[in-house]
Protein backbone atom coordinates (compact mmCIF):
# COMPACT_ATOMS: atom_id res chain seq x y z
CA MET A 1 0.00 0.00 0.00
CA ASP A 2 1.44 3.42 -0.88
CA GLU A 3 1.62 6.39 1.49
CA THR A 4 -1.22 8.28 -0.20
CA SER A 5 -3.75 5.46 0.10
CA SER A 6 -2.88 4.78 3.73
CA LYS A 7 -3.38 8.46 4.58
CA SER A 8 -6.75 8.58 2.84
CA GLU A 9 -7.81 5.34 4.52
CA GLY A 10 -6.73 6.77 7.88
CA LYS A 11 -8.86 9.85 7.27
CA GLU A 12 -11.79 7.64 6.34
CA ILE A 13 -11.42 5.75 9.62
CA ASP A 14 -11.27 9.04 11.57
CA ASP A 15 -14.34 10.38 9.75
CA GLU A 16 -16.26 7.24 10.71
CA PHE A 17 -15.98 8.20 14.39
CA THR A 18 -16.79 11.89 14.15
CA GLU A 19 -20.50 11.07 14.19
CA ILE A 20 -21.14 9.12 17.37
CA THR A 21 -24.77 8.65 18.38
CA LEU A 22 -26.61 7.06 21.29
CA ARG A 23 -29.89 5.19 20.99
CA PRO A 24 -31.88 2.62 22.98
CA ILE A 25 -30.66 -0.95 22.59
CA GLU A 26 -32.73 -3.37 20.49
CA LEU A 27 -32.77 -7.15 20.21
CA SER A 28 -31.40 -6.74 16.68
CA ASP A 29 -28.17 -5.39 18.25
CA VAL A 30 -27.30 -8.83 19.64
CA ASP A 31 -24.55 -9.65 17.12
CA ASP A 32 -22.86 -6.29 17.72
CA PHE A 33 -23.34 -6.74 21.48
CA MET A 34 -21.56 -10.10 21.27
CA GLU A 35 -18.47 -8.39 19.84
CA TRP A 36 -17.74 -6.63 23.13
CA ALA A 37 -19.54 -8.91 25.59
CA THR A 38 -17.54 -12.01 24.60
CA ASP A 39 -14.17 -10.25 24.77
CA GLU A 40 -12.24 -10.76 28.02
CA LYS A 41 -10.16 -7.62 27.35
CA VAL A 42 -13.41 -5.66 27.43
CA SER A 43 -15.05 -7.38 30.39
CA GLN A 44 -11.99 -7.51 32.68
CA PHE A 45 -12.97 -4.37 34.62
CA CYS A 46 -16.75 -4.87 34.29
CA SER A 47 -19.01 -6.25 37.00
CA TRP A 48 -20.37 -8.90 34.59
CA ASP A 49 -18.64 -12.03 33.39
CA THR A 50 -17.67 -12.47 29.76
CA TYR A 51 -20.64 -13.75 27.75
CA THR A 52 -20.38 -17.21 26.24
CA SER A 53 -23.55 -17.54 24.14
CA LYS A 54 -25.95 -15.57 21.98
CA ASP A 55 -28.87 -16.87 24.08
CA GLN A 56 -27.26 -15.39 27.19
CA ALA A 57 -26.90 -12.05 25.39
CA LEU A 58 -30.50 -12.09 24.13
CA ASP A 59 -31.73 -12.82 27.65
CA TYR A 60 -29.73 -9.89 29.05
CA ILE A 61 -30.86 -7.48 26.32
CA ASN A 62 -34.53 -8.50 26.61
CA ASN A 63 -34.81 -8.76 30.40
CA ASN A 64 -32.34 -6.12 31.59
CA ALA A 65 -30.96 -3.72 29.00
CA ILE A 66 -34.22 -2.80 27.28
CA LEU A 67 -35.89 -2.32 30.69
CA HIS A 68 -33.04 -0.21 32.14
CA PRO A 69 -34.05 3.38 32.94
CA TRP A 70 -31.23 4.84 30.82
CA LEU A 71 -29.09 2.47 28.77
CA ARG A 72 -28.05 3.39 25.26
CA VAL A 73 -25.85 1.77 22.67
CA ILE A 74 -22.94 3.81 21.36
CA CYS A 75 -23.23 3.83 17.58
CA THR A 76 -21.29 4.78 14.53
CA LYS A 77 -23.41 4.75 11.38
CA ASN A 78 -26.21 3.26 13.55
CA ARG A 79 -24.06 0.19 14.31
CA ALA A 80 -23.74 -0.59 18.03
CA ILE A 81 -20.07 -0.63 19.07
CA GLY A 82 -20.59 -0.28 22.82
CA ALA A 83 -23.04 0.79 25.49
CA ILE A 84 -23.41 3.49 28.12
CA SER A 85 -25.79 3.64 31.06
CA VAL A 86 -26.83 5.97 33.83
CA THR A 87 -28.39 4.18 36.77
CA PRO A 88 -30.31 6.26 39.32
CA ASN A 89 -29.67 5.67 42.99
CA SER A 90 -32.72 4.74 45.04
CA GLY A 91 -34.04 6.08 48.30
CA CYS A 92 -34.89 9.59 49.35
CA LEU A 93 -31.33 10.39 50.49
CA ASP A 94 -29.68 9.30 47.24
CA SER A 95 -32.19 10.34 44.57
CA CYS A 96 -30.01 13.28 43.49
CA ARG A 97 -27.24 10.86 42.36
CA ALA A 98 -26.80 8.37 39.53
CA GLU A 99 -23.97 6.08 38.42
CA LEU A 100 -22.40 6.13 34.96
CA GLY A 101 -21.06 3.00 33.29
CA TYR A 102 -19.83 2.27 29.77
CA VAL A 103 -18.26 -0.41 27.62
CA LEU A 104 -16.79 -0.35 24.12
CA ALA A 105 -15.66 -3.04 21.69
CA TYR A 106 -11.88 -3.40 21.90
CA LYS A 107 -11.11 -2.49 18.29
CA TYR A 108 -12.57 0.99 18.92
CA TRP A 109 -10.49 1.80 22.02
CA GLY A 110 -8.24 4.84 21.98
CA LYS A 111 -10.23 6.82 19.39
CA GLY A 112 -12.09 9.23 21.71
CA ILE A 113 -15.41 7.49 21.14
CA VAL A 114 -16.31 6.87 24.78
CA THR A 115 -15.32 10.41 25.74
CA LYS A 116 -17.80 11.71 23.14
CA ALA A 117 -20.45 9.27 24.35
CA VAL A 118 -19.96 10.33 27.99
CA LYS A 119 -20.36 13.99 27.04
CA ILE A 120 -23.57 13.24 25.12
CA ALA A 121 -24.96 11.09 27.94
CA VAL A 122 -24.20 13.62 30.66
CA SER A 123 -25.66 16.47 28.64
CA ASN A 124 -28.85 14.49 27.96
CA ILE A 125 -29.33 12.99 31.42
CA PHE A 126 -29.40 16.32 33.25
CA GLU A 127 -32.08 17.52 30.81
CA GLU A 128 -34.11 14.31 31.03
CA TRP A 129 -33.84 13.97 34.82
CA PRO A 130 -34.10 17.56 36.15
CA ASN A 131 -33.83 16.48 39.82
CA LEU A 132 -30.49 14.81 39.19
CA GLU A 133 -27.59 16.80 40.62
CA ARG A 134 -24.65 14.41 40.41
CA VAL A 135 -23.40 11.65 38.11
CA GLU A 136 -20.75 9.39 39.62
CA ALA A 137 -18.40 6.86 38.08
CA PHE A 138 -16.35 4.25 39.91
CA VAL A 139 -13.23 3.02 38.09
CA ASP A 140 -10.79 0.29 39.08
CA VAL A 141 -7.44 1.95 39.94
CA ASP A 142 -5.78 -0.25 37.31
CA ASN A 143 -8.13 0.91 34.52
CA LYS A 144 -6.12 3.95 33.41
CA GLY A 145 -7.92 4.26 30.06
CA SER A 146 -11.32 4.67 31.70
CA GLN A 147 -9.90 7.23 34.11
CA ARG A 148 -8.60 9.27 31.14
CA VAL A 149 -12.03 9.10 29.48
CA LEU A 150 -13.69 10.70 32.51
CA GLU A 151 -10.99 13.34 32.96
CA LYS A 152 -11.28 14.34 29.27
CA ALA A 153 -15.06 14.57 29.64
CA GLY A 154 -14.68 17.01 32.54
CA PHE A 155 -15.36 14.71 35.48
CA LEU A 156 -13.62 15.54 38.74
CA LYS A 157 -11.48 12.85 40.34
CA GLU A 158 -12.57 12.92 43.99
CA GLY A 159 -10.39 10.21 45.47
CA VAL A 160 -9.77 6.51 45.92
CA LEU A 161 -12.19 4.24 47.73
CA ARG A 162 -10.19 1.38 49.17
CA LYS A 163 -11.58 -2.15 48.74
CA PHE A 164 -14.86 -0.54 47.67
CA ARG A 165 -16.69 -3.33 45.83
CA THR A 166 -16.35 -7.04 45.29
CA ILE A 167 -16.09 -7.71 41.57
CA LYS A 168 -15.44 -11.22 40.27
CA GLY A 169 -14.10 -12.39 43.61
CA ARG A 170 -11.73 -9.50 44.25
CA SER A 171 -12.12 -6.17 46.02
CA PRO A 172 -10.14 -3.57 44.09
CA ASP A 173 -9.59 0.01 45.10
CA MET A 174 -11.85 2.25 43.03
CA VAL A 175 -11.32 5.83 41.88
CA ILE A 176 -14.48 7.91 42.26
CA PHE A 177 -15.26 10.60 39.70
CA SER A 178 -18.19 13.00 39.63
CA PHE A 179 -19.89 15.47 37.34
CA LEU A 180 -22.45 17.90 38.75
CA SER A 181 -25.40 19.44 36.95
CA THR A 182 -23.70 22.83 37.48
CA ASP A 183 -20.37 21.71 35.94
CA VAL A 184 -19.38 22.71 32.42
CA LEU A 185 -18.79 20.03 29.79
CA PHE A 186 -15.43 20.30 28.01
CA GLU A 187 -15.70 20.76 24.25
């Protein structure tokens, strides 16, 4: 391949990711979902175990993802390449807070896609849920990429919560990040 064609192909790849959209997940997204859900590199820091079957994925999409109060797939050209969710806390003392989570197929890592998706989600969620004051994210201390995503999106790193959660039989330290409804999204 000559230098000119590789440059034009590189630009084409970059252009593909300039238009990132979020939409509700559908059962027809199952094959795309399997791309990230069956990948141990993707699931290593997630609370869920790596998926092993399409039936397992269909069950999750139908009985959990579609019913979730705010779960969207991250899309390029309407193709699902990941997912992002905002989960409201329950109870009268915690109703002003919600937790952000996201996942992206491995081949799309390092392209700024999740940072864009986080910015879109945060912008939308404060409009859709006017009583929400704070979005939180908890990131394993070893997941440096996810920490960078949140920092680039304007989240504030508040500190480290030692042995905060048990995930897959271990209790890692977690970095807590927050974004308030009064904060300004970075462009």
